[in-house]
PDB file of N, CA and C in Angstrom:
ATOM      1  N   MET A   1       0.866  -1.251   0.225  1.00  0.00           N
ATOM      2  CA  MET A   1       0.207   0.019   0.294  1.00  0.00           C
ATOM      3  C   MET A   1       0.810   1.389   0.071  1.00  0.00           C
ATOM      4  N   LYS A   2       1.675   1.079   0.741  1.00  0.00           N
ATOM      5  CA  LYS A   2       2.696   2.489   1.048  1.00  0.00           C
ATOM      6  C   LYS A   2       3.622   2.833  -0.394  1.00  0.00           C
ATOM      7  N   SER A   3       3.735   1.457  -1.010  1.00  0.00           N
ATOM      8  CA  SER A   3       4.714   1.712  -2.233  1.00  0.00           C
ATOM      9  C   SER A   3       3.595   2.451  -3.456  1.00  0.00           C
ATOM     10  N   LYS A   4       2.319   1.840  -3.370  1.00  0.00           N
ATOM     11  CA  LYS A   4       1.659   2.417  -4.567  1.00  0.00           C
ATOM     12  C   LYS A   4       1.140   3.740  -4.112  1.00  0.00           C
ATOM     13  N   LEU A   5       1.289   4.426  -2.797  1.00  0.00           N
ATOM     14  CA  LEU A   5       0.986   5.746  -2.615  1.00  0.00           C
ATOM     15  C   LEU A   5       2.191   6.564  -3.022  1.00  0.00           C
ATOM     16  N   ALA A   6       3.304   5.938  -2.538  1.00  0.00           N
ATOM     17  CA  ALA A   6       4.767   6.683  -2.911  1.00  0.00           C
ATOM     18  C   ALA A   6       4.946   6.655  -4.434  1.00  0.00           C
ATOM     19  N   ILE A   7       4.385   5.756  -5.382  1.00  0.00           N
ATOM     20  CA  ILE A   7       4.724   5.970  -6.832  1.00  0.00           C
ATOM     21  C   ILE A   7       3.497   6.994  -7.096  1.00  0.00           C
ATOM     22  N   ALA A   8       2.563   6.805  -6.635  1.00  0.00           N
ATOM     23  CA  ALA A   8       1.469   7.940  -7.396  1.00  0.00           C
ATOM     24  C   ALA A   8       1.706   9.196  -6.914  1.00  0.00           C
ATOM     25  N   GLY A   9       2.715   9.404  -5.842  1.00  0.00           N
ATOM     26  CA  GLY A   9       2.986  10.746  -5.458  1.00  0.00           C
ATOM     27  C   GLY A   9       4.172  11.164  -6.448  1.00  0.00           C
ATOM     28  N   LEU A  10       5.197  10.491  -6.843  1.00  0.00           N
ATOM     29  CA  LEU A  10       6.228  10.162  -7.681  1.00  0.00           C
ATOM     30  C   LEU A  10       5.541  10.945  -9.168  1.00  0.00           C
ATOM     31  N   ILE A  11       4.563  10.141  -9.376  1.00  0.00           N
ATOM     32  CA  ILE A  11       3.941  10.460 -10.945  1.00  0.00           C
ATOM     33  C   ILE A  11       3.518  11.951 -10.836  1.00  0.00           C
ATOM     34  N   ALA A  12       2.779  12.229  -9.686  1.00  0.00           N
ATOM     35  CA  ALA A  12       2.104  13.466  -9.536  1.00  0.00           C
ATOM     36  C   ALA A  12       3.285  14.464  -9.736  1.00  0.00           C
ATOM     37  N   GLY A  13       4.068  14.390  -8.980  1.00  0.00           N
ATOM     38  CA  GLY A  13       5.085  15.417  -8.778  1.00  0.00           C
ATOM     39  C   GLY A  13       5.776  15.787 -10.315  1.00  0.00           C
ATOM     40  N   THR A  14       6.137  14.488 -11.053  1.00  0.00           N
ATOM     41  CA  THR A  14       6.715  14.560 -12.220  1.00  0.00           C
ATOM     42  C   THR A  14       5.850  15.228 -13.084  1.00  0.00           C
ATOM     43  N   LEU A  15       4.229  14.933 -13.044  1.00  0.00           N
ATOM     44  CA  LEU A  15       3.750  15.358 -13.988  1.00  0.00           C
ATOM     45  C   LEU A  15       3.266  17.461 -13.795  1.00  0.00           C
ATOM     46  N   PHE A  16       3.154  17.358 -12.466  1.00  0.00           N
ATOM     47  CA  PHE A  16       2.568  18.844 -12.276  1.00  0.00           C
ATOM     48  C   PHE A  16       4.106  19.973 -11.838  1.00  0.00           C
ATOM     49  N   VAL A  17       4.901  19.346 -11.337  1.00  0.00           N
ATOM     50  CA  VAL A  17       5.927  20.704 -11.129  1.00  0.00           C
ATOM     51  C   VAL A  17       6.384  21.108 -12.224  1.00  0.00           C
ATOM     52  N   PRO A  18       6.674  20.505 -13.382  1.00  0.00           N
ATOM     53  CA  PRO A  18       6.965  21.659 -14.451  1.00  0.00           C
ATOM     54  C   PRO A  18       5.859  22.007 -14.915  1.00  0.00           C
ATOM     55  N   ALA A  19       4.738  21.910 -14.979  1.00  0.00           N
ATOM     56  CA  ALA A  19       3.588  22.693 -15.698  1.00  0.00           C
ATOM     57  C   ALA A  19       3.435  23.791 -14.708  1.00  0.00           C
ATOM     58  N   LEU A  20       3.384  23.649 -13.553  1.00  0.00           N
ATOM     59  CA  LEU A  20       3.445  24.912 -12.725  1.00  0.00           C
ATOM     60  C   LEU A  20       4.690  25.991 -12.967  1.00  0.00           C
ATOM     61  N   SER A  21       6.166  25.762 -12.830  1.00  0.00           N
ATOM     62  CA  SER A  21       6.989  26.192 -13.202  1.00  0.00           C
ATOM     63  C   SER A  21       7.119  26.738 -14.229  1.00  0.00           C
ATOM     64  N   HIS A  22       6.622  26.197 -15.609  1.00  0.00           N
ATOM     65  CA  HIS A  22       6.404  26.739 -16.643  1.00  0.00           C
ATOM     66  C   HIS A  22       5.217  28.169 -16.831  1.00  0.00           C
ATOM     67  N   ALA A  23       4.234  28.187 -16.107  1.00  0.00           N
ATOM     68  CA  ALA A  23       3.195  28.733 -16.143  1.00  0.00           C
ATOM     69  C   ALA A  23       3.452  30.073 -14.956  1.00  0.00           C
ATOM     70  N   GLU A  24       4.543  30.058 -14.251  1.00  0.00           N
ATOM     71  CA  GLU A  24       5.151  30.798 -13.729  1.00  0.00           C
ATOM     72  C   GLU A  24       5.955  31.785 -14.449  1.00  0.00           C
ATOM     73  N   ASP A  25       6.929  31.130 -15.228  1.00  0.00           N
ATOM     74  CA  ASP A  25       7.730  31.942 -16.261  1.00  0.00           C
ATOM     75  C   ASP A  25       6.744  32.863 -17.078  1.00  0.00           C
ATOM     76  N   GLN A  26       6.158  32.237 -17.823  1.00  0.00           N
ATOM     77  CA  GLN A  26       4.992  32.763 -18.387  1.00  0.00           C
ATOM     78  C   GLN A  26       4.177  34.322 -17.963  1.00  0.00           C
ATOM     79  N   ASP A  27       3.992  34.004 -16.790  1.00  0.00           N
ATOM     80  CA  ASP A  27       3.373  35.219 -16.557  1.00  0.00           C
ATOM     81  C   ASP A  27       3.977  36.222 -15.391  1.00  0.00           C
ATOM     82  N   GLN A  28       5.187  36.390 -15.499  1.00  0.00           N
ATOM     83  CA  GLN A  28       6.382  37.029 -14.711  1.00  0.00           C
ATOM     84  C   GLN A  28       6.085  38.865 -15.048  1.00  0.00           C
ATOM     85  N   ASP A  29       5.894  38.798 -16.538  1.00  0.00           N
ATOM     86  CA  ASP A  29       5.646  40.224 -17.115  1.00  0.00           C
ATOM     87  C   ASP A  29       4.463  40.465 -16.688  1.00  0.00           C
ATOM     88  N   ARG A  30       3.232  40.216 -15.894  1.00  0.00           N
ATOM     89  CA  ARG A  30       2.206  40.565 -15.921  1.00  0.00           C
ATOM     90  C   ARG A  30       1.973  41.296 -14.492  1.00  0.00           C
ATOM     91  N   ALA A  31       2.810  42.684 -13.959  1.00  0.00           N
ATOM     92  CA  ALA A  31       2.626  43.215 -13.026  1.00  0.00           C
ATOM     93  C   ALA A  31       1.358  43.404 -12.361  1.00  0.00           C
ATOM     94  N   HIS A  32       0.359  43.744 -13.267  1.00  0.00           N
ATOM     95  CA  HIS A  32      -0.677  44.697 -12.748  1.00  0.00           C
ATOM     96  C   HIS A  32      -1.865  43.665 -12.943  1.00  0.00           C
ATOM     97  N   PRO A  33      -2.839  43.361 -12.294  1.00  0.00           N
ATOM     98  CA  PRO A  33      -3.770  42.220 -12.362  1.00  0.00           C
ATOM     99  C   PRO A  33      -4.854  42.861 -13.539  1.00  0.00           C
ATOM    100  N   LYS A  34      -4.988  43.896 -13.709  1.00  0.00           N
ATOM    101  CA  LYS A  34      -5.688  44.074 -14.611  1.00  0.00           C
ATOM    102  C   LYS A  34      -5.021  43.977 -16.129  1.00  0.00           C
ATOM    103  N   THR A  35      -3.731  43.922 -16.169  1.00  0.00           N
ATOM    104  CA  THR A  35      -2.813  43.473 -17.590  1.00  0.00           C
ATOM    105  C   THR A  35      -3.105  41.932 -17.531  1.00  0.00           C
ATOM    106  N   PHE A  36      -3.097  41.086 -16.774  1.00  0.00           N
ATOM    107  CA  PHE A  36      -3.114  39.852 -16.752  1.00  0.00           C
ATOM    108  C   PHE A  36      -4.552  39.438 -17.448  1.00  0.00           C
ATOM    109  N   VAL A  37      -5.408  40.147 -16.686  1.00  0.00           N
ATOM    110  CA  VAL A  37      -7.068  39.540 -16.855  1.00  0.00           C
ATOM    111  C   VAL A  37      -6.985  39.929 -18.657  1.00  0.00           C
ATOM    112  N   LYS A  38      -6.634  40.997 -19.371  1.00  0.00           N
ATOM    113  CA  LYS A  38      -6.733  41.575 -20.445  1.00  0.00           C
ATOM    114  C   LYS A  38      -5.911  40.560 -21.574  1.00  0.00           C
ATOM    115  N   ASP A  39      -4.722  40.440 -21.009  1.00  0.00           N
ATOM    116  CA  ASP A  39      -3.910  39.296 -21.706  1.00  0.00           C
ATOM    117  C   ASP A  39      -4.570  38.024 -22.012  1.00  0.00           C
ATOM    118  N   SER A  40      -5.258  37.476 -20.657  1.00  0.00           N
ATOM    119  CA  SER A  40      -5.807  36.292 -20.482  1.00  0.00           C
ATOM    120  C   SER A  40      -7.099  36.418 -21.565  1.00  0.00           C
ATOM    121  N   ALA A  41      -7.822  37.564 -21.675  1.00  0.00           N
ATOM    122  CA  ALA A  41      -8.854  37.574 -22.579  1.00  0.00           C
ATOM    123  C   ALA A  41      -8.777  37.529 -23.977  1.00  0.00           C
ATOM    124  N   ILE A  42      -7.330  38.115 -24.443  1.00  0.00           N
ATOM    125  CA  ILE A  42      -7.094  37.814 -25.612  1.00  0.00           C
ATOM    126  C   ILE A  42      -6.525  36.505 -26.039  1.00  0.00           C
ATOM    127  N   THR A  43      -5.811  35.896 -24.722  1.00  0.00           N
ATOM    128  CA  THR A  43      -5.680  34.381 -25.517  1.00  0.00           C
ATOM    129  C   THR A  43      -7.003  33.390 -25.367  1.00  0.00           C
ATOM    130  N   THR A  44      -7.911  33.908 -24.525  1.00  0.00           N
ATOM    131  CA  THR A  44      -9.196  32.838 -24.680  1.00  0.00           C
ATOM    132  C   THR A  44      -9.872  33.330 -25.876  1.00  0.00           C
ATOM    133  N   LYS A  45      -9.861  34.512 -26.372  1.00  0.00           N
ATOM    134  CA  LYS A  45     -10.698  34.578 -27.666  1.00  0.00           C
ATOM    135  C   LYS A  45      -9.947  34.040 -28.911  1.00  0.00           C
ATOM    136  N   ILE A  46      -8.846  34.421 -28.848  1.00  0.00           N
ATOM    137  CA  ILE A  46      -7.835  33.405 -29.935  1.00  0.00           C
ATOM    138  C   ILE A  46      -8.195  31.977 -29.771  1.00  0.00           C
ATOM    139  N   LYS A  47      -8.175  31.573 -28.632  1.00  0.00           N
ATOM    140  CA  LYS A  47      -8.507  29.752 -28.739  1.00  0.00           C
ATOM    141  C   LYS A  47      -9.705  29.739 -28.988  1.00  0.00           C
ATOM    142  N   ALA A  48     -10.674  30.207 -28.891  1.00  0.00           N
ATOM    143  CA  ALA A  48     -12.218  30.108 -28.988  1.00  0.00           C
ATOM    144  C   ALA A  48     -12.270  29.880 -30.495  1.00  0.00           C
ATOM    145  N   LYS A  49     -11.589  31.101 -31.219  1.00  0.00           N
ATOM    146  CA  LYS A  49     -12.097  31.209 -32.544  1.00  0.00           C
ATOM    147  C   LYS A  49     -10.881  30.065 -33.360  1.00  0.00           C
ATOM    148  N   LEU A  50      -9.906  29.659 -32.830  1.00  0.00           N
ATOM    149  CA  LEU A  50      -8.999  28.511 -33.483  1.00  0.00           C
ATOM    150  C   LEU A  50     -10.116  27.453 -33.491  1.00  0.00           C
ATOM    151  N   ALA A  51     -10.935  27.169 -32.071  1.00  0.00           N
ATOM    152  CA  ALA A  51     -11.550  26.116 -31.719  1.00  0.00           C
ATOM    153  C   ALA A  51     -12.685  26.257 -33.119  1.00  0.00           C
ATOM    154  N   ALA A  52     -13.226  27.329 -33.003  1.00  0.00           N
ATOM    155  CA  ALA A  52     -14.808  27.349 -33.929  1.00  0.00           C
ATOM    156  C   ALA A  52     -14.227  26.912 -35.420  1.00  0.00           C
ATOM    157  N   GLU A  53     -13.026  27.167 -36.115  1.00  0.00           N
ATOM    158  CA  GLU A  53     -12.688  27.278 -37.265  1.00  0.00           C
ATOM    159  C   GLU A  53     -12.381  25.635 -37.588  1.00  0.00           C
ATOM    160  N   LYS A  54     -12.360  24.660 -36.415  1.00  0.00           N
ATOM    161  CA  LYS A  54     -12.119  23.341 -36.141  1.00  0.00           C
ATOM    162  C   LYS A  54     -10.569  22.866 -37.167  1.00  0.00           C
ATOM    163  N   LEU A  55     -10.058  23.775 -36.791  1.00  0.00           N
ATOM    164  CA  LEU A  55      -8.706  23.111 -37.106  1.00  0.00           C
ATOM    165  C   LEU A  55      -8.535  21.966 -36.863  1.00  0.00           C
ATOM    166  N   SER A  56      -7.968  20.797 -37.198  1.00  0.00           N
ATOM    167  CA  SER A  56      -7.785  19.584 -36.776  1.00  0.00           C
ATOM    168  C   SER A  56      -6.243  19.290 -35.885  1.00  0.00           C
ATOM    169  N   SER A  57      -5.528  20.573 -35.831  1.00  0.00           N
ATOM    170  CA  SER A  57      -4.439  20.691 -34.915  1.00  0.00           C
ATOM    171  C   SER A  57      -4.777  21.745 -33.928  1.00  0.00           C
ATOM    172  N   VAL A  58      -5.749  22.417 -33.585  1.00  0.00           N
ATOM    173  CA  VAL A  58      -5.975  23.077 -32.638  1.00  0.00           C
ATOM    174  C   VAL A  58      -5.283  23.014 -31.249  1.00  0.00           C
ATOM    175  N   ALA A  59      -5.438  21.712 -30.706  1.00  0.00           N
ATOM    176  CA  ALA A  59      -4.517  21.364 -29.405  1.00  0.00           C
ATOM    177  C   ALA A  59      -3.308  21.289 -29.705  1.00  0.00           C
ATOM    178  N   LYS A  60      -2.839  21.481 -30.658  1.00  0.00           N
ATOM    179  CA  LYS A  60      -1.509  21.419 -30.613  1.00  0.00           C
ATOM    180  C   LYS A  60      -0.967  22.705 -30.762  1.00  0.00           C
ATOM    181  N   ILE A  61      -1.580  23.817 -30.882  1.00  0.00           N
ATOM    182  CA  ILE A  61      -1.239  24.890 -31.199  1.00  0.00           C
ATOM    183  C   ILE A  61      -1.323  25.996 -29.725  1.00  0.00           C
ATOM    184  N   HIS A  62      -0.226  26.672 -29.208  1.00  0.00           N
ATOM    185  CA  HIS A  62      -0.409  27.134 -28.117  1.00  0.00           C
ATOM    186  C   HIS A  62      -0.522  28.738 -28.158  1.00  0.00           C
ATOM    187  N   VAL A  63      -1.303  29.223 -27.473  1.00  0.00           N
ATOM    188  CA  VAL A  63      -1.268  30.719 -27.658  1.00  0.00           C
ATOM    189  C   VAL A  63      -1.088  31.168 -26.109  1.00  0.00           C
ATOM    190  N   ASP A  64       0.029  32.451 -26.148  1.00  0.00           N
ATOM    191  CA  ASP A  64       0.398  32.971 -25.112  1.00  0.00           C
ATOM    192  C   ASP A  64       0.146  34.849 -25.484  1.00  0.00           C
ATOM    193  N   THR A  65      -0.290  35.632 -24.412  1.00  0.00           N
ATOM    194  CA  THR A  65       0.000  37.025 -24.944  1.00  0.00           C
ATOM    195  C   THR A  65       0.501  37.953 -23.889  1.00  0.00           C
ATOM    196  N   ASP A  66       1.279  38.393 -24.457  1.00  0.00           N
ATOM    197  CA  ASP A  66       2.241  39.111 -23.474  1.00  0.00           C
ATOM    198  C   ASP A  66       1.304  40.687 -22.992  1.00  0.00           C
ATOM    199  N   ALA A  67       2.343  41.339 -22.007  1.00  0.00           N
ATOM    200  CA  ALA A  67       1.699  42.673 -21.280  1.00  0.00           C
ATOM    201  C   ALA A  67       1.488  43.667 -22.459  1.00  0.00           C
ATOM    202  N   ASN A  68       2.135  43.551 -23.606  1.00  0.00           N
ATOM    203  CA  ASN A  68       2.090  44.461 -24.493  1.00  0.00           C
ATOM    204  C   ASN A  68       0.947  44.475 -25.751  1.00  0.00           C
ATOM    205  N   GLY A  69       0.133  43.097 -25.755  1.00  0.00           N
ATOM    206  CA  GLY A  69      -0.640  42.703 -26.507  1.00  0.00           C
ATOM    207  C   GLY A  69      -0.046  41.999 -27.804  1.00  0.00           C
ATOM    208  N   VAL A  70       1.034  41.615 -27.216  1.00  0.00           N
ATOM    209  CA  VAL A  70       1.871  40.697 -28.768  1.00  0.00           C
ATOM    210  C   VAL A  70       1.279  39.153 -28.394  1.00  0.00           C
ATOM    211  N   VAL A  71       0.749  38.684 -29.455  1.00  0.00           N
ATOM    212  CA  VAL A  71       0.275  37.176 -29.199  1.00  0.00           C
ATOM    213  C   VAL A  71       1.853  36.424 -29.433  1.00  0.00           C
ATOM    214  N   TRP A  72       2.071  35.254 -28.919  1.00  0.00           N
ATOM    215  CA  TRP A  72       3.082  34.356 -29.379  1.00  0.00           C
ATOM    216  C   TRP A  72       2.038  32.951 -29.800  1.00  0.00           C
ATOM    217  N   LEU A  73       2.502  32.307 -30.808  1.00  0.00           N
ATOM    218  CA  LEU A  73       1.713  31.270 -31.103  1.00  0.00           C
ATOM    219  C   LEU A  73       3.074  30.225 -31.191  1.00  0.00           C
ATOM    220  N   SER A  74       2.715  29.076 -30.973  1.00  0.00           N
ATOM    221  CA  SER A  74       3.794  28.120 -30.578  1.00  0.00           C
ATOM    222  C   SER A  74       3.249  26.845 -30.825  1.00  0.00           C
ATOM    223  N   GLY A  75       3.840  25.760 -31.228  1.00  0.00           N
ATOM    224  CA  GLY A  75       3.314  24.157 -31.517  1.00  0.00           C
ATOM    225  C   GLY A  75       3.706  23.855 -32.947  1.00  0.00           C
ATOM    226  N   THR A  76       2.589  22.897 -33.113  1.00  0.00           N
ATOM    227  CA  THR A  76       2.602  22.291 -34.276  1.00  0.00           C
ATOM    228  C   THR A  76       1.186  22.176 -35.117  1.00  0.00           C
ATOM    229  N   ALA A  77       1.030  22.336 -36.629  1.00  0.00           N
ATOM    230  CA  ALA A  77       0.008  22.083 -37.040  1.00  0.00           C
ATOM    231  C   ALA A  77       0.061  21.020 -38.476  1.00  0.00           C
ATOM    232  N   ASN A  78      -1.216  20.929 -39.097  1.00  0.00           N
ATOM    233  CA  ASN A  78      -1.070  19.591 -39.894  1.00  0.00           C
ATOM    234  C   ASN A  78      -0.667  20.229 -41.385  1.00  0.00           C
ATOM    235  N   SER A  79      -0.465  21.615 -41.700  1.00  0.00           N
ATOM    236  CA  SER A  79      -0.368  22.244 -42.743  1.00  0.00           C
ATOM    237  C   SER A  79       0.352  23.731 -42.672  1.00  0.00           C
ATOM    238  N   GLN A  80       0.744  23.985 -43.729  1.00  0.00           N
ATOM    239  CA  GLN A  80       1.348  25.862 -43.869  1.00  0.00           C
ATOM    240  C   GLN A  80      -0.179  26.629 -44.126  1.00  0.00           C
ATOM    241  N   ASP A  81      -1.283  25.921 -44.444  1.00  0.00           N
ATOM    242  CA  ASP A  81      -2.333  26.586 -44.519  1.00  0.00           C
ATOM    243  C   ASP A  81      -3.333  26.691 -43.028  1.00  0.00           C
ATOM    244  N   GLN A  82      -2.948  25.907 -42.154  1.00  0.00           N
ATOM    245  CA  GLN A  82      -3.412  25.849 -40.843  1.00  0.00           C
ATOM    246  C   GLN A  82      -2.513  27.089 -40.087  1.00  0.00           C
ATOM    247  N   ILE A  83      -1.349  27.047 -40.591  1.00  0.00           N
ATOM    248  CA  ILE A  83      -0.544  27.806 -39.553  1.00  0.00           C
ATOM    249  C   ILE A  83      -0.932  29.304 -40.177  1.00  0.00           C
ATOM    250  N   ASP A  84      -1.203  29.429 -41.546  1.00  0.00           N
ATOM    251  CA  ASP A  84      -1.737  30.823 -42.176  1.00  0.00           C
ATOM    252  C   ASP A  84      -3.073  31.245 -41.336  1.00  0.00           C
ATOM    253  N   LYS A  85      -3.848  30.490 -41.326  1.00  0.00           N
ATOM    254  CA  LYS A  85      -5.024  30.352 -40.570  1.00  0.00           C
ATOM    255  C   LYS A  85      -5.040  30.614 -39.337  1.00  0.00           C
ATOM    256  N   ALA A  86      -4.197  30.267 -38.551  1.00  0.00           N
ATOM    257  CA  ALA A  86      -4.127  30.886 -37.164  1.00  0.00           C
ATOM    258  C   ALA A  86      -3.596  32.238 -36.912  1.00  0.00           C
ATOM    259  N   ILE A  87      -2.477  32.227 -37.798  1.00  0.00           N
ATOM    260  CA  ILE A  87      -1.976  33.525 -37.742  1.00  0.00           C
ATOM    261  C   ILE A  87      -2.511  34.784 -38.000  1.00  0.00           C
ATOM    262  N   ALA A  88      -3.971  34.685 -38.665  1.00  0.00           N
ATOM    263  CA  ALA A  88      -4.581  35.537 -39.557  1.00  0.00           C
ATOM    264  C   ALA A  88      -5.858  35.634 -38.475  1.00  0.00           C
ATOM    265  N   ILE A  89      -6.305  34.559 -37.841  1.00  0.00           N
ATOM    266  CA  ILE A  89      -7.261  34.665 -36.613  1.00  0.00           C
ATOM    267  C   ILE A  89      -6.457  35.625 -35.571  1.00  0.00           C
ATOM    268  N   ALA A  90      -5.213  35.236 -35.033  1.00  0.00           N
ATOM    269  CA  ALA A  90      -4.575  36.241 -34.079  1.00  0.00           C
ATOM    270  C   ALA A  90      -4.610  37.345 -34.108  1.00  0.00           C
ATOM    271  N   ARG A  91      -3.970  37.986 -35.685  1.00  0.00           N
ATOM    272  CA  ARG A  91      -4.258  38.881 -35.863  1.00  0.00           C
ATOM    273  C   ARG A  91      -5.297  40.124 -36.079  1.00  0.00           C
ATOM    274  N   SER A  92      -6.408  39.275 -36.375  1.00  0.00           N
ATOM    275  CA  SER A  92      -7.799  39.834 -36.400  1.00  0.00           C
ATOM    276  C   SER A  92      -8.494  40.258 -35.124  1.00  0.00           C
ATOM    277  N   THR A  93      -8.055  39.541 -34.190  1.00  0.00           N
ATOM    278  CA  THR A  93      -8.500  39.440 -32.832  1.00  0.00           C
ATOM    279  C   THR A  93      -8.242  41.000 -32.123  1.00  0.00           C
ATOM    280  N   GLU A  94      -9.216  41.448 -31.648  1.00  0.00           N
ATOM    281  CA  GLU A  94      -9.335  42.787 -31.192  1.00  0.00           C
ATOM    282  C   GLU A  94      -8.320  42.757 -29.914  1.00  0.00           C
ATOM    283  N   ASN A  95      -7.605  44.206 -29.647  1.00  0.00           N
ATOM    284  CA  ASN A  95      -6.554  44.345 -28.743  1.00  0.00           C
ATOM    285  C   ASN A  95      -5.029  43.591 -29.230  1.00  0.00           C
ATOM    286  N   VAL A  96      -4.965  42.990 -30.222  1.00  0.00           N
ATOM    287  CA  VAL A  96      -3.577  42.385 -30.216  1.00  0.00           C
ATOM    288  C   VAL A  96      -2.962  43.307 -30.961  1.00  0.00           C
ATOM    289  N   ARG A  97      -1.736  43.500 -30.838  1.00  0.00           N
ATOM    290  CA  ARG A  97      -0.638  44.544 -31.276  1.00  0.00           C
ATOM    291  C   ARG A  97       0.064  43.660 -32.516  1.00  0.00           C
ATOM    292  N   ASP A  98       0.486  42.756 -32.108  1.00  0.00           N
ATOM    293  CA  ASP A  98       1.092  41.844 -33.137  1.00  0.00           C
ATOM    294  C   ASP A  98       1.186  40.371 -32.995  1.00  0.00           C
ATOM    295  N   VAL A  99       1.748  39.699 -33.908  1.00  0.00           N
ATOM    296  CA  VAL A  99       1.717  38.327 -33.621  1.00  0.00           C
ATOM    297  C   VAL A  99       3.150  37.711 -33.901  1.00  0.00           C
ATOM    298  N   LYS A 100       3.557  36.805 -33.220  1.00  0.00           N
ATOM    299  CA  LYS A 100       4.797  36.099 -33.331  1.00  0.00           C
ATOM    300  C   LYS A 100       4.503  34.886 -33.327  1.00  0.00           C
ATOM    301  N   SER A 101       4.990  34.046 -34.350  1.00  0.00           N
ATOM    302  CA  SER A 101       4.778  32.688 -34.741  1.00  0.00           C
ATOM    303  C   SER A 101       6.044  31.609 -34.674  1.00  0.00           C
ATOM    304  N   SER A 102       6.043  30.669 -34.071  1.00  0.00           N
ATOM    305  CA  SER A 102       6.889  29.722 -34.146  1.00  0.00           C
ATOM    306  C   SER A 102       6.360  28.133 -34.187  1.00  0.00           C
ATOM    307  N   LEU A 103       5.003  28.547 -35.092  1.00  0.00           N
ATOM    308  CA  LEU A 103       4.227  27.183 -35.390  1.00  0.00           C
ATOM    309  C   LEU A 103       5.175  26.299 -36.592  1.00  0.00           C
ATOM    310  N   THR A 104       5.115  25.176 -36.633  1.00  0.00           N
ATOM    311  CA  THR A 104       5.672  24.478 -37.542  1.00  0.00           C
ATOM    312  C   THR A 104       4.708  23.648 -38.068  1.00  0.00           C
ATOM    313  N   VAL A 105       5.194  22.755 -39.091  1.00  0.00           N
ATOM    314  CA  VAL A 105       4.085  21.775 -39.875  1.00  0.00           C
ATOM    315  C   VAL A 105       4.668  20.483 -39.357  1.00  0.00           C
ATOM    316  N   LYS A 106       4.007  19.952 -39.056  1.00  0.00           N
ATOM    317  CA  LYS A 106       4.026  18.213 -38.695  1.00  0.00           C
ATOM    318  C   LYS A 106       2.691  17.671 -39.143  1.00  0.00           C
ATOM    319  N   ALA A 107       2.903  16.854 -39.906  1.00  0.00           N
ATOM    320  CA  ALA A 107       1.530  15.706 -39.973  1.00  0.00           C
ATOM    321  C   ALA A 107       1.205  15.023 -39.243  1.00  0.00           C
ATOM    322  N   ASP A 108      -0.202  14.492 -38.767  1.00  0.00           N
ATOM    323  CA  ASP A 108      -0.223  13.383 -37.890  1.00  0.00           C
ATOM    324  C   ASP A 108       0.203  12.181 -38.569  1.00  0.00           C
ATOM    325  N   SER A 109       0.640  11.458 -37.383  1.00  0.00           N
ATOM    326  CA  SER A 109       1.379  10.072 -37.708  1.00  0.00           C
ATOM    327  C   SER A 109      -0.013   9.243 -37.850  1.00  0.00           C
TER     328      SER A 109
END
């Protein structure tokens, strides 16, 4: 019983600690709560628009918005057309000042 609990704790720690430290790093530029809410709203709008487009690779596209309204797209898409569409969606979103993309094409296996 103790070994099962220890293994479960080890697995949970391995999965969640990197995710938490990554989240802290991304949010260090948000010194003011209103800025953070605005940035989060932009990110949420873009994610909703991507989902509405039913891009098959939407789960692999990561969206983050910095304090200056710059949107950062990263991850992979199944085609260059999907990358272009994701960038266009981000650019057309209200309060977005610029879009930076490191998206790459990676077909599903």
